[in-house]
């Protein structure tokens, strides 16, 4: 696989940070924004990246619609990275 989970996590988090005012975002919008292909390997990495971000409490999945929203901890992480 050419793309690793950390790269995808970073792209997802950056996209959700940029769109936090219109958050939450659907899986389709996230995939389009990070320019992810539909290959099986890419989809597995994408799902793993989403789960990793949820476990780190950087993002949250909505119960009803299944969309994703950046959490305060995720915003703080992006801002910390931008400072360095």
C-alpha atoms as a PDB file:
ATOM      1  CA  UNK A   1       0.000   0.000   0.000  1.00  0.00           C
ATOM      2  CA  UNK A   2       1.337   3.390  -0.944  1.00  0.00           C
ATOM      3  CA  UNK A   3      -0.647   5.215   1.723  1.00  0.00           C
ATOM      4  CA  UNK A   4      -0.189   4.599   5.420  1.00  0.00           C
ATOM      5  CA  UNK A   5      -2.725   5.066   8.184  1.00  0.00           C
ATOM      6  CA  UNK A   6      -0.921   8.039   9.774  1.00  0.00           C
ATOM      7  CA  UNK A   7      -1.026   9.990   6.485  1.00  0.00           C
ATOM      8  CA  UNK A   8      -4.747   9.316   6.097  1.00  0.00           C
ATOM      9  CA  UNK A   9      -5.424  10.239   9.742  1.00  0.00           C
ATOM     10  CA  UNK A  10      -3.599  13.533   9.234  1.00  0.00           C
ATOM     11  CA  UNK A  11      -5.556  14.298   6.053  1.00  0.00           C
ATOM     12  CA  UNK A  12      -8.909  13.437   7.663  1.00  0.00           C
ATOM     13  CA  UNK A  13      -8.153  15.514  10.743  1.00  0.00           C
ATOM     14  CA  UNK A  14      -6.998  18.470   8.640  1.00  0.00           C
ATOM     15  CA  UNK A  15     -10.140  18.304   6.482  1.00  0.00           C
ATOM     16  CA  UNK A  16     -12.463  18.112   9.483  1.00  0.00           C
ATOM     17  CA  UNK A  17     -10.571  21.014  11.060  1.00  0.00           C
ATOM     18  CA  UNK A  18     -11.009  23.131   7.930  1.00  0.00           C
ATOM     19  CA  UNK A  19     -14.722  22.322   7.769  1.00  0.00           C
ATOM     20  CA  UNK A  20     -15.427  22.468  11.500  1.00  0.00           C
ATOM     21  CA  UNK A  21     -17.904  25.334  11.085  1.00  0.00           C
ATOM     22  CA  UNK A  22     -20.064  23.185   8.765  1.00  0.00           C
ATOM     23  CA  UNK A  23     -19.236  19.930  10.500  1.00  0.00           C
ATOM     24  CA  UNK A  24     -20.216  17.046  10.613  1.00  0.00           C
ATOM     25  CA  UNK A  25     -19.052  15.551   7.333  1.00  0.00           C
ATOM     26  CA  UNK A  26     -20.121  12.375   5.544  1.00  0.00           C
ATOM     27  CA  UNK A  27     -17.748   9.556   4.672  1.00  0.00           C
ATOM     28  CA  UNK A  28     -18.176  10.356   0.970  1.00  0.00           C
ATOM     29  CA  UNK A  29     -17.217  14.011   1.412  1.00  0.00           C
ATOM     30  CA  UNK A  30     -14.175  13.046   3.484  1.00  0.00           C
ATOM     31  CA  UNK A  31     -13.043  10.495   0.895  1.00  0.00           C
ATOM     32  CA  UNK A  32     -13.415  13.040  -1.911  1.00  0.00           C
ATOM     33  CA  UNK A  33     -11.609  15.742   0.039  1.00  0.00           C
ATOM     34  CA  UNK A  34      -8.575  13.588   0.791  1.00  0.00           C
ATOM     35  CA  UNK A  35      -8.628  12.182  -2.754  1.00  0.00           C
ATOM     36  CA  UNK A  36      -8.847   8.561  -1.669  1.00  0.00           C
ATOM     37  CA  UNK A  37      -9.331   5.929  -4.340  1.00  0.00           C
ATOM     38  CA  UNK A  38     -11.960   3.193  -4.081  1.00  0.00           C
ATOM     39  CA  UNK A  39      -9.511   0.282  -4.007  1.00  0.00           C
ATOM     40  CA  UNK A  40      -9.960  -2.337  -1.308  1.00  0.00           C
ATOM     41  CA  UNK A  41      -6.642  -1.545   0.344  1.00  0.00           C
ATOM     42  CA  UNK A  42      -7.369   2.166   0.435  1.00  0.00           C
ATOM     43  CA  UNK A  43     -10.820   1.593   1.926  1.00  0.00           C
ATOM     44  CA  UNK A  44      -9.345  -0.623   4.662  1.00  0.00           C
ATOM     45  CA  UNK A  45      -6.738   2.012   5.499  1.00  0.00           C
ATOM     46  CA  UNK A  46      -9.444   4.695   5.492  1.00  0.00           C
ATOM     47  CA  UNK A  47     -11.645   2.737   7.912  1.00  0.00           C
ATOM     48  CA  UNK A  48      -8.654   2.023  10.162  1.00  0.00           C
ATOM     49  CA  UNK A  49      -7.726   5.709  10.149  1.00  0.00           C
ATOM     50  CA  UNK A  50     -11.272   6.718  11.139  1.00  0.00           C
ATOM     51  CA  UNK A  51     -11.284   4.177  13.967  1.00  0.00           C
ATOM     52  CA  UNK A  52      -7.866   5.358  15.141  1.00  0.00           C
ATOM     53  CA  UNK A  53      -9.036   8.972  15.278  1.00  0.00           C
ATOM     54  CA  UNK A  54     -12.171   7.944  17.180  1.00  0.00           C
ATOM     55  CA  UNK A  55     -10.093   5.979  19.699  1.00  0.00           C
ATOM     56  CA  UNK A  56      -7.823   8.994  20.225  1.00  0.00           C
ATOM     57  CA  UNK A  57     -10.971  11.119  20.818  1.00  0.00           C
ATOM     58  CA  UNK A  58      -9.992  13.440  17.935  1.00  0.00           C
ATOM     59  CA  UNK A  59     -13.244  12.827  16.058  1.00  0.00           C
ATOM     60  CA  UNK A  60     -16.710  11.551  16.865  1.00  0.00           C
ATOM     61  CA  UNK A  61     -19.181   9.592  14.764  1.00  0.00           C
ATOM     62  CA  UNK A  62     -22.783  10.719  14.986  1.00  0.00           C
ATOM     63  CA  UNK A  63     -25.158   8.010  16.160  1.00  0.00           C
ATOM     64  CA  UNK A  64     -28.046   8.728  13.813  1.00  0.00           C
ATOM     65  CA  UNK A  65     -26.511   9.768  10.482  1.00  0.00           C
ATOM     66  CA  UNK A  66     -23.035   8.250  10.789  1.00  0.00           C
ATOM     67  CA  UNK A  67     -21.275  11.509   9.890  1.00  0.00           C
ATOM     68  CA  UNK A  68     -17.996  12.537  11.480  1.00  0.00           C
ATOM     69  CA  UNK A  69     -17.241  15.634  13.521  1.00  0.00           C
ATOM     70  CA  UNK A  70     -13.953  16.947  14.909  1.00  0.00           C
ATOM     71  CA  UNK A  71     -13.752  17.114  18.699  1.00  0.00           C
ATOM     72  CA  UNK A  72     -11.995  19.706  20.893  1.00  0.00           C
ATOM     73  CA  UNK A  73      -9.046  17.339  21.370  1.00  0.00           C
ATOM     74  CA  UNK A  74      -8.665  17.070  17.578  1.00  0.00           C
ATOM     75  CA  UNK A  75      -8.768  20.848  17.170  1.00  0.00           C
ATOM     76  CA  UNK A  76      -6.099  21.226  19.848  1.00  0.00           C
ATOM     77  CA  UNK A  77      -3.923  18.629  18.086  1.00  0.00           C
ATOM     78  CA  UNK A  78      -4.131  20.444  14.715  1.00  0.00           C
ATOM     79  CA  UNK A  79      -3.342  23.779  16.353  1.00  0.00           C
ATOM     80  CA  UNK A  80      -0.394  22.228  18.212  1.00  0.00           C
ATOM     81  CA  UNK A  81       0.986  20.828  14.956  1.00  0.00           C
ATOM     82  CA  UNK A  82       0.566  24.182  13.185  1.00  0.00           C
ATOM     83  CA  UNK A  83       2.484  25.958  15.958  1.00  0.00           C
ATOM     84  CA  UNK A  84       5.534  23.737  15.486  1.00  0.00           C
END
